[in-house]
Amino acid sequence: MVSDIKIYETTDELNSGAAELIAGLISSFIRLNFKCTFVLSGGSTPERLFTLLADNYKTEIDWKKVFLFWGDERYLPVDHPGNNYKMANEHLLSHVNIDPQSIFRINTDTSPEESAKEYEDRIKKFFGNNELPVFDVVLLGLGKDGHVASIFPGTDAVNEKEKWVAAVKADSLNTERITMTLPVINNAKNVIFLISGEDKKEIVEKIFIKKEKDNFPALMVKPQNGSLFYLMDRAAAGDMKTE
């Protein structure tokens, strides 16, 4: 595993840097393999990043050769403001020339368990086998409690080894989610954390400065044969320094 930490002084610089990195990775995979598999994160943090990718890399990226997946989804209707697919569609998908057949959203019209099984089956069909999938680029956020995707501390998803996609009930947030599991995330070629805002400062300090060894799922993200990037703005990084 190759790990890299980069701190940007402003949120705008963070998003610009992340967009440049992701665009470069996507284009390199397209050159090598004529396609790129890109796993999107949800929540509000990547909104500006998605807008930049749509605005600044609309033609630089051959979007027809990009296959989009989601690392997790909130168990909400597709038209709900909190739905991760809806956010990505508004800020990215509807602005670039991407094939609708290349967009693999997580269906929330069934139960969370059925949705997770259906999504895992779609991933298996896409990759054409039952071997653990190898995604080219996976984008992740960092929760204030150290969760990643929708793998929350204390839930069964933390130790899930067999399922590629799992239904999660996070009692602390009174929410249900569908999430890719750690074996899938850790089998990716590139994993990128996008960490922004002062509300993330405490968890960043615990993980990177104090190096606390609590049950933070984010600490369990360790790509076996890939690269790991931590990109954060100064508001989240606080007093943290990089060498």
Protein backbone atom coordinates (compact mmCIF):
# COMPACT_ATOMS: atom_id res chain seq x y z
CA MET A 1 0.00 0.00 0.00
CA VAL A 2 1.24 3.44 -0.97
CA SER A 3 -0.16 6.20 1.26
CA ASP A 4 -0.13 9.94 0.64
CA ILE A 5 -1.46 12.82 2.78
CA LYS A 6 -2.00 16.24 1.27
CA ILE A 7 -3.33 19.31 3.06
CA TYR A 8 -4.80 22.26 1.16
CA GLU A 9 -5.15 25.66 2.80
CA THR A 10 -8.68 26.25 1.50
CA THR A 11 -11.66 24.13 0.57
CA ASP A 12 -11.55 25.47 -2.99
CA GLU A 13 -7.94 24.34 -3.34
CA LEU A 14 -8.87 20.94 -1.89
CA ASN A 15 -11.63 20.40 -4.43
CA SER A 16 -9.48 21.61 -7.32
CA GLY A 17 -6.65 19.31 -6.29
CA ALA A 18 -9.00 16.36 -5.86
CA ALA A 19 -10.60 16.99 -9.25
CA GLU A 20 -7.19 17.13 -10.91
CA LEU A 21 -6.07 13.89 -9.24
CA ILE A 22 -9.26 12.02 -10.09
CA ALA A 23 -9.37 13.28 -13.67
CA GLY A 24 -5.77 12.21 -14.15
CA LEU A 25 -6.43 8.74 -12.75
CA ILE A 26 -9.56 8.25 -14.84
CA SER A 27 -7.79 9.31 -18.03
CA SER A 28 -4.82 7.06 -17.32
CA PHE A 29 -7.05 4.01 -16.84
CA ILE A 30 -8.93 4.82 -20.04
CA ARG A 31 -5.63 4.99 -21.90
CA LEU A 32 -4.54 1.66 -20.43
CA ASN A 33 -7.78 -0.30 -20.38
CA PHE A 34 -10.19 1.74 -22.52
CA LYS A 35 -12.41 2.17 -19.47
CA CYS A 36 -12.39 3.27 -15.83
CA THR A 37 -14.52 2.13 -12.91
CA PHE A 38 -15.16 4.97 -10.48
CA VAL A 39 -16.93 4.54 -7.13
CA LEU A 40 -18.58 7.74 -5.87
CA SER A 41 -19.12 8.83 -2.29
CA GLY A 42 -22.21 10.55 -0.98
CA GLY A 43 -23.09 13.25 1.50
CA SER A 44 -22.51 16.96 0.97
CA THR A 45 -18.69 16.99 0.98
CA PRO A 46 -18.17 15.94 -2.68
CA GLU A 47 -20.81 18.27 -4.15
CA ARG A 48 -18.31 20.93 -5.19
CA LEU A 49 -15.87 18.29 -6.43
CA PHE A 50 -18.54 16.79 -8.69
CA THR A 51 -19.38 20.24 -10.03
CA LEU A 52 -15.71 20.86 -10.85
CA LEU A 53 -15.42 17.53 -12.63
CA ALA A 54 -18.48 18.41 -14.70
CA ASP A 55 -17.35 21.97 -15.46
CA ASN A 56 -13.59 21.64 -15.90
CA TYR A 57 -13.27 18.08 -17.21
CA LYS A 58 -16.40 17.81 -19.30
CA THR A 59 -14.41 17.18 -22.47
CA GLU A 60 -11.00 16.25 -21.04
CA ILE A 61 -12.45 13.00 -19.67
CA ASP A 62 -14.01 10.56 -22.11
CA TRP A 63 -17.08 10.02 -19.95
CA LYS A 64 -18.45 7.40 -22.36
CA LYS A 65 -15.73 5.10 -21.05
CA VAL A 66 -16.39 5.74 -17.35
CA PHE A 67 -18.49 3.30 -15.32
CA LEU A 68 -19.93 4.81 -12.14
CA PHE A 69 -20.80 2.98 -8.94
CA TRP A 70 -21.64 4.13 -5.40
CA GLY A 71 -19.82 3.17 -2.23
CA ASP A 72 -23.00 3.54 -0.23
CA GLU A 73 -26.53 4.82 -0.34
CA ARG A 74 -29.00 6.11 2.19
CA TYR A 75 -32.18 4.08 2.32
CA LEU A 76 -34.24 6.91 0.88
CA PRO A 77 -36.30 7.32 -2.31
CA VAL A 78 -34.30 8.32 -5.37
CA ASP A 79 -36.00 11.74 -5.42
CA HIS A 80 -35.25 12.47 -1.74
CA PRO A 81 -32.78 15.36 -1.16
CA GLY A 82 -30.60 13.05 0.95
CA ASN A 83 -30.26 10.36 -1.71
CA ASN A 84 -26.62 10.05 -2.82
CA TYR A 85 -27.48 9.24 -6.42
CA LYS A 86 -29.73 12.30 -6.65
CA MET A 87 -26.89 14.56 -5.46
CA ALA A 88 -24.41 13.08 -7.93
CA ASN A 89 -26.91 13.32 -10.76
CA GLU A 90 -27.60 16.98 -10.07
CA HIS A 91 -23.94 18.00 -9.76
CA LEU A 92 -22.21 15.64 -12.21
CA LEU A 93 -24.11 13.04 -14.22
CA SER A 94 -26.61 15.36 -15.86
CA HIS A 95 -23.79 17.62 -17.05
CA VAL A 96 -21.48 15.14 -18.79
CA ASN A 97 -21.83 12.83 -21.79
CA ILE A 98 -22.05 9.54 -19.95
CA ASP A 99 -23.92 6.45 -21.11
CA PRO A 100 -26.94 5.82 -18.83
CA GLN A 101 -26.10 2.11 -19.02
CA SER A 102 -22.77 2.90 -17.34
CA ILE A 103 -24.42 4.35 -14.24
CA PHE A 104 -24.91 1.73 -11.53
CA ARG A 105 -26.97 3.38 -8.83
CA ILE A 106 -28.06 1.53 -5.71
CA ASN A 107 -31.78 0.76 -5.88
CA THR A 108 -33.77 1.75 -2.78
CA ASP A 109 -37.19 0.59 -3.99
CA THR A 110 -36.90 -2.71 -2.14
CA SER A 111 -35.81 -3.60 1.40
CA PRO A 112 -32.22 -2.68 2.43
CA GLU A 113 -31.27 -6.37 2.46
CA GLU A 114 -32.72 -7.01 -0.99
CA SER A 115 -31.09 -3.83 -2.28
CA ALA A 116 -27.68 -4.92 -1.00
CA LYS A 117 -28.02 -8.37 -2.57
CA GLU A 118 -29.18 -6.89 -5.87
CA TYR A 119 -26.26 -4.47 -5.98
CA GLU A 120 -23.74 -7.17 -5.22
CA ASP A 121 -25.22 -9.27 -8.03
CA ARG A 122 -24.93 -6.33 -10.45
CA ILE A 123 -21.28 -5.84 -9.53
CA LYS A 124 -20.59 -9.55 -10.06
CA LYS A 125 -22.31 -9.44 -13.46
CA PHE A 126 -20.32 -6.36 -14.49
CA PHE A 127 -16.96 -7.87 -13.58
CA GLY A 128 -18.00 -11.23 -14.99
CA ASN A 129 -16.93 -13.48 -12.14
CA ASN A 130 -17.24 -14.16 -8.43
CA GLU A 131 -13.76 -12.94 -7.58
CA LEU A 132 -13.50 -9.82 -5.44
CA PRO A 133 -13.88 -6.82 -7.78
CA VAL A 134 -11.00 -4.46 -8.43
CA PHE A 135 -12.29 -0.91 -8.84
CA ASP A 136 -9.95 1.65 -10.38
CA VAL A 137 -10.86 4.66 -8.24
CA VAL A 138 -12.86 4.74 -4.99
CA LEU A 139 -13.82 8.08 -3.43
CA LEU A 140 -14.59 8.13 0.29
CA GLY A 141 -15.55 10.60 2.97
CA LEU A 142 -14.70 10.51 6.66
CA GLY A 143 -17.49 10.60 9.23
CA LYS A 144 -17.15 12.50 12.49
CA ASP A 145 -17.37 9.14 14.29
CA GLY A 146 -14.75 7.58 12.04
CA HIS A 147 -17.20 5.81 9.76
CA VAL A 148 -16.42 5.32 6.09
CA ALA A 149 -18.97 4.72 3.32
CA SER A 150 -21.79 3.49 5.58
CA ILE A 151 -19.59 1.26 7.70
CA PHE A 152 -20.32 2.66 11.16
CA PRO A 153 -18.46 1.77 14.38
CA GLY A 154 -20.17 -1.03 16.25
CA THR A 155 -22.18 -2.37 13.31
CA ASP A 156 -21.86 -5.81 11.75
CA ALA A 157 -20.55 -4.22 8.55
CA VAL A 158 -17.23 -3.47 10.28
CA ASN A 159 -16.28 -7.15 10.38
CA GLU A 160 -18.11 -8.31 7.25
CA LYS A 161 -15.82 -10.57 5.24
CA GLU A 162 -18.15 -12.45 2.88
CA LYS A 163 -20.62 -9.93 1.50
CA TRP A 164 -19.50 -7.33 -1.01
CA VAL A 165 -22.47 -5.11 -0.24
CA ALA A 166 -24.33 -5.05 3.09
CA ALA A 167 -27.41 -3.51 4.61
CA VAL A 168 -26.59 -1.44 7.69
CA LYS A 169 -28.75 -0.17 10.50
CA ALA A 170 -26.94 2.61 12.33
CA ASP A 171 -28.90 3.04 15.56
CA SER A 172 -26.83 6.08 16.58
CA LEU A 173 -28.13 7.96 13.55
CA ASN A 174 -31.51 6.22 13.38
CA THR A 175 -30.78 5.42 9.75
CA GLU A 176 -30.59 2.51 7.36
CA ARG A 177 -27.97 2.33 4.64
CA ILE A 178 -26.58 0.07 1.92
CA THR A 179 -22.79 -0.04 1.72
CA MET A 180 -19.86 -1.65 -0.02
CA THR A 181 -17.80 -3.55 2.52
CA LEU A 182 -14.16 -3.25 3.49
CA PRO A 183 -12.92 -6.25 1.45
CA VAL A 184 -14.20 -4.53 -1.70
CA ILE A 185 -12.83 -1.12 -0.78
CA ASN A 186 -9.45 -2.57 0.15
CA ASN A 187 -9.19 -4.38 -3.17
CA ALA A 188 -9.32 -1.14 -5.17
CA LYS A 189 -6.39 0.28 -7.11
CA ASN A 190 -6.83 3.81 -5.74
CA VAL A 191 -8.74 4.94 -2.66
CA ILE A 192 -9.17 8.67 -2.08
CA PHE A 193 -10.44 10.23 1.14
CA LEU A 194 -11.92 13.71 0.73
CA ILE A 195 -12.00 15.39 4.15
CA SER A 196 -13.34 18.90 4.57
CA GLY A 197 -14.57 21.25 7.27
CA GLU A 198 -13.90 22.15 10.87
CA ASP A 199 -16.41 19.54 12.06
CA LYS A 200 -13.92 16.86 10.92
CA LYS A 201 -11.03 18.36 12.88
CA GLU A 202 -11.62 16.25 16.00
CA ILE A 203 -11.69 12.90 14.21
CA VAL A 204 -8.67 13.87 12.08
CA GLU A 205 -6.77 14.72 15.27
CA LYS A 206 -7.72 11.38 16.86
CA ILE A 207 -6.67 9.35 13.83
CA PHE A 208 -3.66 11.21 12.43
CA ILE A 209 -2.16 13.18 15.34
CA LYS A 210 -3.02 11.25 18.51
CA LYS A 211 -3.10 8.01 16.51
CA GLU A 212 -5.85 6.57 18.67
CA LYS A 213 -6.55 2.93 17.96
CA ASP A 214 -10.29 2.96 18.62
CA ASN A 215 -12.65 1.01 16.41
CA PHE A 216 -12.65 3.55 13.60
CA PRO A 217 -13.66 1.88 10.32
CA ALA A 218 -11.65 4.53 8.47
CA LEU A 219 -8.48 3.09 9.98
CA MET A 220 -9.37 -0.26 8.44
CA VAL A 221 -9.16 1.13 4.92
CA LYS A 222 -5.83 -0.24 3.72
CA PRO A 223 -5.75 -1.09 0.01
CA GLN A 224 -3.86 -4.36 -0.32
CA ASN A 225 -2.25 -3.61 -3.66
CA GLY A 226 -3.30 -0.03 -4.28
CA SER A 227 -2.68 3.58 -3.38
CA LEU A 228 -4.35 5.48 -0.54
CA PHE A 229 -4.77 9.25 -0.67
CA TYR A 230 -5.89 11.48 2.18
CA LEU A 231 -6.86 14.92 0.84
CA MET A 232 -8.04 17.48 3.39
CA ASP A 233 -8.44 21.20 3.85
CA ARG A 234 -6.81 23.16 6.65
CA ALA A 235 -10.09 23.47 8.54
CA ALA A 236 -10.20 19.68 8.90
CA ALA A 237 -6.44 19.19 9.32
CA GLY A 238 -6.07 21.75 12.11
CA ASP A 239 -2.46 21.71 13.35
CA MET A 240 -1.60 18.59 11.43
CA LYS A 241 1.52 18.78 9.29
CA THR A 242 2.83 16.69 6.45
CA GLU A 243 6.48 15.91 5.85
